[in-house]
Amino acid sequence: MKEKPLTNSRQFDKIKTVISKTSKIAVTGKGGAGKSTISASLSIFLSKKGKDVWLIDCDPDANLATILGYPYPDKLQPIVELKEIIQERTLTKNSGSVPFFKMNPDVSDIPEKFSVEHNGVHLMLMGKMKPAKGGCFCPENAFVKSLISHLLLKENEVVIMDMEAGIEHLSRGTASAVDVMLIITEPSFSSIETTKRILTLAKQLNIKKVLLIANKIHNDRDRDFITNKFSENIVLFIPYNTELEKNRGVIDSDNKILDKEMEKIISYLEENK
């Protein structure tokens, strides 16, 4: 039997319709599905196309610095650990146990001061958010959310956010600024269940432009497995990449890994702004 193409013209047209003039992208999916790889690939490709790219690692299990080949990943300071700055900006430096703090602290200088540039990509690490206790909202969480809002709403660059699966970093206030959410799924039951939960959360946050990308596709069986779960919602099928495995997951500016697939998405980003 003749193998089905991994992408067809109808899916390609759908990508063009949904992502045209996009400049703010949130990428999410189950851990291991390839969301960080695709986030990094999008960032590098856009940078090579002349875009000023900000790549934000919002995943507590942060690994974008390593994937990008940044030589000093351990020296990248997580924003949530800037305790003195957070206390100063949220007005909690000398407040003791007072539960009141500034909800919209000034973060305008943070991106330039606490990001690194590698291969033309500005990389920033958010760090692990504190879990809510009884509905509380701590100063660290307020600071990070304010920073994300600043990037999404005020900066005049392409912003790509590698989210954690639960997209907790994305509140209702910032969701409206996201042009498109890419959900990366793979042919496994656990990934399918995570994708369904993210779709529900995205709907609750009123994110209107949501694209599903099927990654690590080995054959028609994998393709059909995902297609049967999500019907026509899948807009792109990316084949399993053995070259990436050989390079131990590291992508650099001269690497052609995933370039063909990324171009199908970001060729339409070039028209923004």
Protein backbone atom coordinates (compact mmCIF):
# COMPACT_ATOMS: atom_id res chain seq x y z
CA MET A 1 0.00 0.00 0.00
CA LYS A 2 1.27 3.44 -0.91
CA GLU A 3 2.24 5.45 2.16
CA LYS A 4 0.08 8.46 2.94
CA PRO A 5 1.82 11.86 2.88
CA LEU A 6 2.55 13.25 6.34
CA THR A 7 1.11 16.61 5.33
CA ASN A 8 -1.50 17.45 2.73
CA SER A 9 -2.48 20.69 1.00
CA ARG A 10 -5.67 21.00 3.05
CA GLN A 11 -3.71 20.88 6.31
CA PHE A 12 -1.13 23.28 4.89
CA ASP A 13 -3.88 25.77 3.98
CA LYS A 14 -5.30 25.46 7.50
CA ILE A 15 -1.91 26.36 8.98
CA LYS A 16 -1.72 29.38 6.67
CA THR A 17 -5.18 30.56 7.69
CA VAL A 18 -4.66 30.19 11.43
CA ILE A 19 -1.06 31.32 11.95
CA SER A 20 -0.75 34.21 9.50
CA LYS A 21 0.67 37.36 11.12
CA THR A 22 1.28 35.56 14.41
CA SER A 23 3.90 36.96 16.80
CA LYS A 24 3.01 35.37 20.16
CA ILE A 25 3.01 31.59 20.39
CA ALA A 26 2.45 29.27 23.34
CA VAL A 27 3.68 25.70 22.89
CA THR A 28 2.45 22.97 25.20
CA GLY A 29 1.97 19.22 25.43
CA LYS A 30 2.86 16.20 27.53
CA GLY A 31 6.43 15.93 28.75
CA GLY A 32 8.45 14.02 26.17
CA ALA A 33 6.09 14.76 23.27
CA GLY A 34 8.60 17.18 21.75
CA LYS A 35 7.22 20.61 22.69
CA SER A 36 10.62 21.91 23.80
CA THR A 37 12.29 20.64 20.63
CA ILE A 38 9.66 22.30 18.47
CA SER A 39 9.82 25.53 20.52
CA ALA A 40 13.60 25.65 20.06
CA SER A 41 13.34 24.78 16.35
CA LEU A 42 10.78 27.52 15.76
CA SER A 43 12.98 30.01 17.58
CA ILE A 44 16.15 29.17 15.67
CA PHE A 45 14.38 29.16 12.31
CA LEU A 46 12.74 32.52 12.96
CA SER A 47 16.04 33.97 14.09
CA LYS A 48 17.66 32.82 10.84
CA LYS A 49 14.83 34.59 9.02
CA GLY A 50 15.82 37.85 10.69
CA LYS A 51 13.28 37.93 13.51
CA ASP A 52 14.09 39.16 17.04
CA VAL A 53 13.05 36.07 18.98
CA TRP A 54 12.32 35.70 22.68
CA LEU A 55 12.12 32.09 23.85
CA ILE A 56 10.59 31.72 27.31
CA ASP A 57 11.07 28.46 29.21
CA CYS A 58 8.02 28.17 31.46
CA ASP A 59 8.44 24.44 32.09
CA PRO A 60 9.58 23.54 35.63
CA ASP A 61 11.63 20.77 34.00
CA ALA A 62 13.54 23.39 32.01
CA ASN A 63 15.84 22.10 29.25
CA LEU A 64 15.67 24.69 26.45
CA ALA A 65 19.15 26.02 27.23
CA THR A 66 20.57 22.54 26.69
CA ILE A 67 18.52 21.93 23.53
CA LEU A 68 19.74 25.24 22.08
CA GLY A 69 23.32 24.28 22.85
CA TYR A 70 23.86 27.16 25.29
CA PRO A 71 27.24 26.35 26.89
CA TYR A 72 26.36 27.51 30.41
CA PRO A 73 22.80 26.26 31.12
CA ASP A 74 23.37 26.16 34.88
CA LYS A 75 24.21 29.87 34.94
CA LEU A 76 20.83 30.94 33.61
CA GLN A 77 19.03 32.34 36.64
CA PRO A 78 15.33 31.47 36.99
CA ILE A 79 13.18 34.59 37.28
CA VAL A 80 11.20 33.16 40.19
CA GLU A 81 14.43 32.99 42.23
CA LEU A 82 15.12 36.75 42.02
CA LYS A 83 13.97 37.05 45.62
CA GLU A 84 15.30 40.54 46.45
CA ILE A 85 13.98 42.06 43.23
CA ILE A 86 10.63 40.33 43.64
CA GLN A 87 10.32 41.58 47.21
CA GLU A 88 11.24 45.12 46.17
CA ARG A 89 8.90 45.24 43.17
CA THR A 90 5.95 43.59 44.95
CA LEU A 91 6.47 45.82 48.03
CA THR A 92 7.03 42.88 50.38
CA LYS A 93 10.67 43.50 51.31
CA ASN A 94 9.96 44.57 54.89
CA SER A 95 6.38 43.46 55.22
CA GLY A 96 6.99 40.39 57.36
CA SER A 97 4.05 38.05 57.15
CA VAL A 98 1.65 40.69 55.78
CA PRO A 99 -0.35 38.95 53.02
CA PHE A 100 -0.75 42.10 50.90
CA PHE A 101 1.53 42.79 47.94
CA LYS A 102 1.55 44.60 44.61
CA MET A 103 -0.16 42.46 41.98
CA ASN A 104 1.28 44.25 38.91
CA PRO A 105 4.95 44.96 39.74
CA ASP A 106 7.24 46.79 37.30
CA VAL A 107 9.10 44.22 35.17
CA SER A 108 10.07 46.36 32.18
CA ASP A 109 13.82 45.95 32.76
CA ILE A 110 13.79 42.23 33.56
CA PRO A 111 13.93 40.74 30.03
CA GLU A 112 17.14 42.56 29.09
CA LYS A 113 18.84 41.98 32.45
CA PHE A 114 18.00 38.33 33.01
CA SER A 115 18.04 36.73 29.59
CA VAL A 116 20.89 35.30 27.54
CA GLU A 117 21.33 35.43 23.78
CA HIS A 118 22.51 32.33 21.96
CA ASN A 119 22.37 31.65 18.23
CA GLY A 120 20.29 34.80 17.81
CA VAL A 121 17.65 33.72 20.34
CA HIS A 122 16.95 35.55 23.61
CA LEU A 123 16.36 32.85 26.21
CA MET A 124 14.73 33.40 29.59
CA LEU A 125 13.95 30.87 32.30
CA MET A 126 10.87 31.40 34.46
CA GLY A 127 11.51 28.67 37.03
CA LYS A 128 9.16 26.56 39.10
CA MET A 129 6.03 28.37 40.24
CA LYS A 130 4.91 27.85 43.84
CA PRO A 131 1.81 25.67 44.22
CA ALA A 132 -1.27 27.53 45.37
CA LYS A 133 -2.32 26.83 48.97
CA GLY A 134 -5.95 27.38 49.66
CA GLY A 135 -6.25 29.69 46.68
CA CYS A 136 -3.37 31.96 47.72
CA PHE A 137 -1.36 33.86 45.14
CA CYS A 138 2.22 34.53 46.27
CA PRO A 139 4.44 37.50 45.26
CA GLU A 140 6.68 35.22 43.14
CA ASN A 141 3.72 34.03 41.09
CA ALA A 142 2.47 37.60 40.69
CA PHE A 143 5.90 38.71 39.48
CA VAL A 144 6.19 35.92 36.89
CA LYS A 145 2.67 36.46 35.58
CA SER A 146 3.31 40.19 35.30
CA LEU A 147 6.49 39.49 33.33
CA ILE A 148 4.68 37.17 30.94
CA SER A 149 1.97 39.77 30.45
CA HIS A 150 4.65 42.37 29.69
CA LEU A 151 6.27 40.15 27.07
CA LEU A 152 2.99 39.14 25.51
CA LEU A 153 1.37 42.53 25.49
CA LYS A 154 4.14 45.10 25.14
CA GLU A 155 7.23 43.74 23.44
CA ASN A 156 7.51 44.16 19.68
CA GLU A 157 9.22 40.84 19.00
CA VAL A 158 8.27 37.26 18.28
CA VAL A 159 7.61 35.54 21.60
CA ILE A 160 7.60 31.74 21.90
CA MET A 161 6.64 30.23 25.24
CA ASP A 162 7.46 26.63 26.06
CA MET A 163 4.70 25.92 28.57
CA GLU A 164 4.25 23.24 31.15
CA ALA A 165 1.47 20.79 30.33
CA GLY A 166 -1.04 22.39 32.67
CA ILE A 167 -0.42 25.91 31.25
CA GLU A 168 -0.67 27.31 34.81
CA HIS A 169 1.54 30.22 33.77
CA LEU A 170 -1.15 31.36 31.38
CA SER A 171 -3.91 33.25 33.18
CA ARG A 172 -7.10 34.66 31.67
CA GLY A 173 -5.45 38.07 31.55
CA THR A 174 -2.55 36.93 29.38
CA ALA A 175 -4.41 34.33 27.32
CA SER A 176 -6.06 37.00 25.21
CA ALA A 177 -2.59 38.14 24.05
CA VAL A 178 -1.60 34.70 22.71
CA ASP A 179 -2.09 34.58 18.95
CA VAL A 180 -1.97 30.80 18.75
CA MET A 181 -1.37 27.81 20.99
CA LEU A 182 0.45 24.83 19.55
CA ILE A 183 -0.35 21.57 21.32
CA ILE A 184 2.25 18.90 20.61
CA THR A 185 0.97 15.34 20.86
CA GLU A 186 2.47 11.95 20.07
CA PRO A 187 0.96 8.52 19.35
CA SER A 188 0.51 7.31 22.93
CA PHE A 189 -2.51 7.04 25.21
CA SER A 190 -0.93 9.23 27.91
CA SER A 191 -0.13 11.99 25.42
CA ILE A 192 -3.66 11.83 24.01
CA GLU A 193 -5.15 12.26 27.51
CA THR A 194 -2.86 15.21 28.26
CA THR A 195 -3.80 16.81 24.95
CA LYS A 196 -7.49 16.49 25.79
CA ARG A 197 -6.95 18.20 29.16
CA ILE A 198 -5.01 21.04 27.53
CA LEU A 199 -7.75 21.50 24.94
CA THR A 200 -10.26 21.86 27.78
CA LEU A 201 -8.06 24.39 29.59
CA ALA A 202 -7.48 26.36 26.39
CA LYS A 203 -11.24 26.52 25.85
CA GLN A 204 -11.77 27.73 29.41
CA LEU A 205 -9.16 30.44 28.85
CA ASN A 206 -10.91 31.39 25.60
CA ILE A 207 -7.85 30.80 23.44
CA LYS A 208 -9.49 30.73 20.04
CA LYS A 209 -6.57 29.68 17.85
CA VAL A 210 -5.39 26.23 18.94
CA LEU A 211 -3.41 23.93 16.64
CA LEU A 212 -2.60 20.28 17.27
CA ILE A 213 0.70 19.03 15.90
CA ALA A 214 1.30 15.28 15.83
CA ASN A 215 4.97 14.55 16.50
CA LYS A 216 7.15 11.42 16.38
CA ILE A 217 5.08 9.75 13.66
CA HIS A 218 6.69 6.49 12.50
CA ASN A 219 4.06 5.21 10.07
CA ASP A 220 0.40 5.23 8.97
CA ARG A 221 -0.59 3.37 12.11
CA ASP A 222 0.68 6.22 14.30
CA ARG A 223 -0.98 8.76 12.05
CA ASP A 224 -4.31 6.97 12.10
CA PHE A 225 -4.17 6.48 15.87
CA ILE A 226 -4.00 10.24 16.46
CA THR A 227 -6.35 11.15 13.64
CA ASN A 228 -9.05 8.86 15.08
CA LYS A 229 -8.79 10.66 18.42
CA PHE A 230 -8.96 14.23 17.13
CA SER A 231 -10.53 13.98 13.69
CA GLU A 232 -9.47 17.01 11.59
CA ASN A 233 -7.94 19.02 14.45
CA ILE A 234 -4.42 17.80 13.61
CA VAL A 235 -2.86 20.30 11.20
CA LEU A 236 0.64 18.90 10.86
CA PHE A 237 2.26 15.46 11.14
CA ILE A 238 5.99 15.46 11.92
CA PRO A 239 7.86 12.19 11.31
CA TYR A 240 10.08 10.67 13.98
CA ASN A 241 13.55 12.15 13.56
CA THR A 242 16.49 9.77 14.00
CA GLU A 243 19.01 12.54 13.24
CA LEU A 244 17.83 14.45 16.29
CA GLU A 245 18.35 11.35 18.41
CA LYS A 246 21.91 11.02 17.11
CA ASN A 247 22.62 14.60 18.16
CA ARG A 248 21.28 13.83 21.64
CA GLY A 249 18.50 16.36 21.24
CA VAL A 250 20.74 19.42 20.72
CA ILE A 251 19.78 21.84 17.94
CA ASP A 252 22.14 24.56 16.71
CA SER A 253 21.87 27.35 14.17
CA ASP A 254 23.48 25.28 11.39
CA ASN A 255 21.33 22.23 11.98
CA LYS A 256 18.65 21.38 9.41
CA ILE A 257 16.67 19.19 11.82
CA LEU A 258 12.95 19.97 11.57
CA ASP A 259 13.61 22.98 9.31
CA LYS A 260 11.28 21.60 6.65
CA GLU A 261 8.45 21.17 9.15
CA MET A 262 9.08 24.51 10.85
CA GLU A 263 8.96 26.35 7.54
CA LYS A 264 5.43 25.07 6.96
CA ILE A 265 4.42 26.95 10.10
CA ILE A 266 6.58 30.03 10.32
CA SER A 267 6.63 31.11 6.70
CA TYR A 268 3.37 32.78 7.62
CA LEU A 269 4.89 34.43 10.68
CA GLU A 270 7.17 36.50 8.45
CA GLU A 271 4.30 38.80 7.57
CA ASN A 272 3.67 39.92 11.15
CA LYS A 273 4.41 43.49 12.18
